[in-house]
Amino acid sequence: MPDLYVWIAWAIAALAFLLGTQVLGVAGLLAALIVALCVLTLTAAALGRRARGRQTRPDPRFEATDEIFRDPSSGVPTRVYVDRRTGERRYWKARDRAGR
């Protein structure tokens, strides 16, 4: 799916360039590029927030295992979850006894 966003970004950049140089002049080019960059930045931020939200809540098809380790990059205790049907493993932040 990210490839689609790359193509959309290139299309917006090409349109901004064409509009800026042919129709609006140099000032229009700058304005169109600023608007395009703002839209792309806000879109990326929204998609990133949604992706981070998915990573913090375990998927219901995954069952928690007894494996807990400290993530070397962040130092956060992490629990291993497994999909018994496929054997796929996922890693989510370990919850305390209260379920937080």
Protein backbone atom coordinates (compact mmCIF):
# COMPACT_ATOMS: atom_id res chain seq x y z
CA MET A 1 0.00 0.00 0.00
CA PRO A 2 2.80 2.54 0.64
CA ASP A 3 3.74 2.37 -3.05
CA LEU A 4 0.36 3.89 -3.87
CA TYR A 5 1.13 6.86 -1.61
CA VAL A 6 4.49 7.36 -3.31
CA TRP A 7 2.78 7.53 -6.70
CA ILE A 8 0.19 9.97 -5.35
CA ALA A 9 2.96 12.17 -3.93
CA TRP A 10 4.78 12.21 -7.27
CA ALA A 11 1.55 13.04 -9.11
CA ILE A 12 0.84 15.96 -6.76
CA ALA A 13 4.40 17.22 -7.13
CA ALA A 14 4.17 17.02 -10.94
CA LEU A 15 0.84 18.86 -10.98
CA ALA A 16 2.16 21.52 -8.63
CA PHE A 17 5.19 22.02 -10.86
CA LEU A 18 3.08 22.28 -14.03
CA LEU A 19 0.57 24.63 -12.45
CA GLY A 20 3.26 26.73 -10.89
CA THR A 21 5.37 27.22 -13.97
CA GLN A 22 2.74 27.37 -16.71
CA VAL A 23 -0.28 28.99 -15.13
CA LEU A 24 0.65 30.75 -11.94
CA GLY A 25 4.28 31.76 -12.49
CA VAL A 26 7.11 31.43 -9.98
CA ALA A 27 5.10 32.70 -6.99
CA GLY A 28 2.32 30.23 -7.81
CA LEU A 29 4.84 27.42 -8.04
CA LEU A 30 6.08 28.17 -4.56
CA ALA A 31 2.53 28.38 -3.16
CA ALA A 32 1.48 25.13 -4.85
CA LEU A 33 4.55 23.32 -3.54
CA ILE A 34 3.93 24.57 0.00
CA VAL A 35 0.29 23.43 -0.12
CA ALA A 36 1.29 20.03 -1.55
CA LEU A 37 3.95 19.55 1.14
CA CYS A 38 1.48 20.48 3.89
CA VAL A 39 -1.10 18.03 2.58
CA LEU A 40 1.47 15.23 2.29
CA THR A 41 2.84 15.94 5.77
CA LEU A 42 -0.61 15.92 7.38
CA THR A 43 -1.56 12.73 5.53
CA ALA A 44 1.65 10.98 6.59
CA ALA A 45 1.15 12.08 10.20
CA ALA A 46 -2.43 10.77 10.24
CA LEU A 47 -1.43 7.45 8.69
CA GLY A 48 1.49 7.10 11.09
CA ARG A 49 -0.75 7.73 14.09
CA ARG A 50 -3.16 5.05 12.90
CA ALA A 51 -0.31 2.60 12.35
CA ARG A 52 1.11 3.25 15.83
CA GLY A 53 -2.36 2.73 17.30
CA ARG A 54 -2.59 -0.68 15.66
CA GLN A 55 0.73 -1.68 17.16
CA THR A 56 -0.32 -0.93 20.75
CA ARG A 57 -3.43 -3.13 20.81
CA PRO A 58 -3.05 -6.89 20.29
CA ASP A 59 -5.04 -8.40 17.44
CA PRO A 60 -7.79 -10.70 18.82
CA ARG A 61 -6.63 -13.69 16.77
CA PHE A 62 -3.25 -13.64 18.54
CA GLU A 63 -2.87 -15.33 21.93
CA ALA A 64 -0.36 -14.18 24.53
CA THR A 65 2.53 -16.51 25.30
CA ASP A 66 4.62 -16.65 28.47
CA GLU A 67 7.54 -15.01 26.62
CA ILE A 68 8.31 -11.48 27.83
CA PHE A 69 11.54 -9.66 27.00
CA ARG A 70 12.88 -6.12 27.13
CA ASP A 71 12.97 -4.52 23.67
CA PRO A 72 16.63 -3.61 23.07
CA SER A 73 15.83 -0.46 21.07
CA SER A 74 13.31 1.11 23.48
CA GLY A 75 13.81 -0.76 26.75
CA VAL A 76 10.04 -1.46 26.95
CA PRO A 77 8.91 -4.86 28.27
CA THR A 78 7.42 -6.71 25.29
CA ARG A 79 5.20 -9.80 25.19
CA VAL A 80 5.18 -12.34 22.37
CA TYR A 81 1.80 -13.19 20.84
CA VAL A 82 1.19 -16.06 18.42
CA ASP A 83 -1.56 -16.94 15.96
CA ARG A 84 -2.03 -20.65 16.67
CA ARG A 85 -3.58 -21.22 13.26
CA THR A 86 -0.69 -19.85 11.17
CA GLY A 87 2.20 -19.78 13.65
CA GLU A 88 2.78 -16.06 12.99
CA ARG A 89 4.37 -14.19 15.89
CA ARG A 90 3.76 -10.56 16.87
CA TYR A 91 5.26 -8.40 19.59
CA TRP A 92 3.32 -5.89 21.68
CA LYS A 93 4.05 -3.90 24.79
CA ALA A 94 3.59 -6.14 27.83
CA ARG A 95 0.57 -5.26 29.98
CA ASP A 96 0.70 -5.24 33.74
CA ARG A 97 -1.62 -7.35 35.88
CA ALA A 98 -4.28 -4.62 35.83
CA GLY A 99 -4.47 -4.92 32.01
CA ARG A 100 -2.91 -1.55 31.22
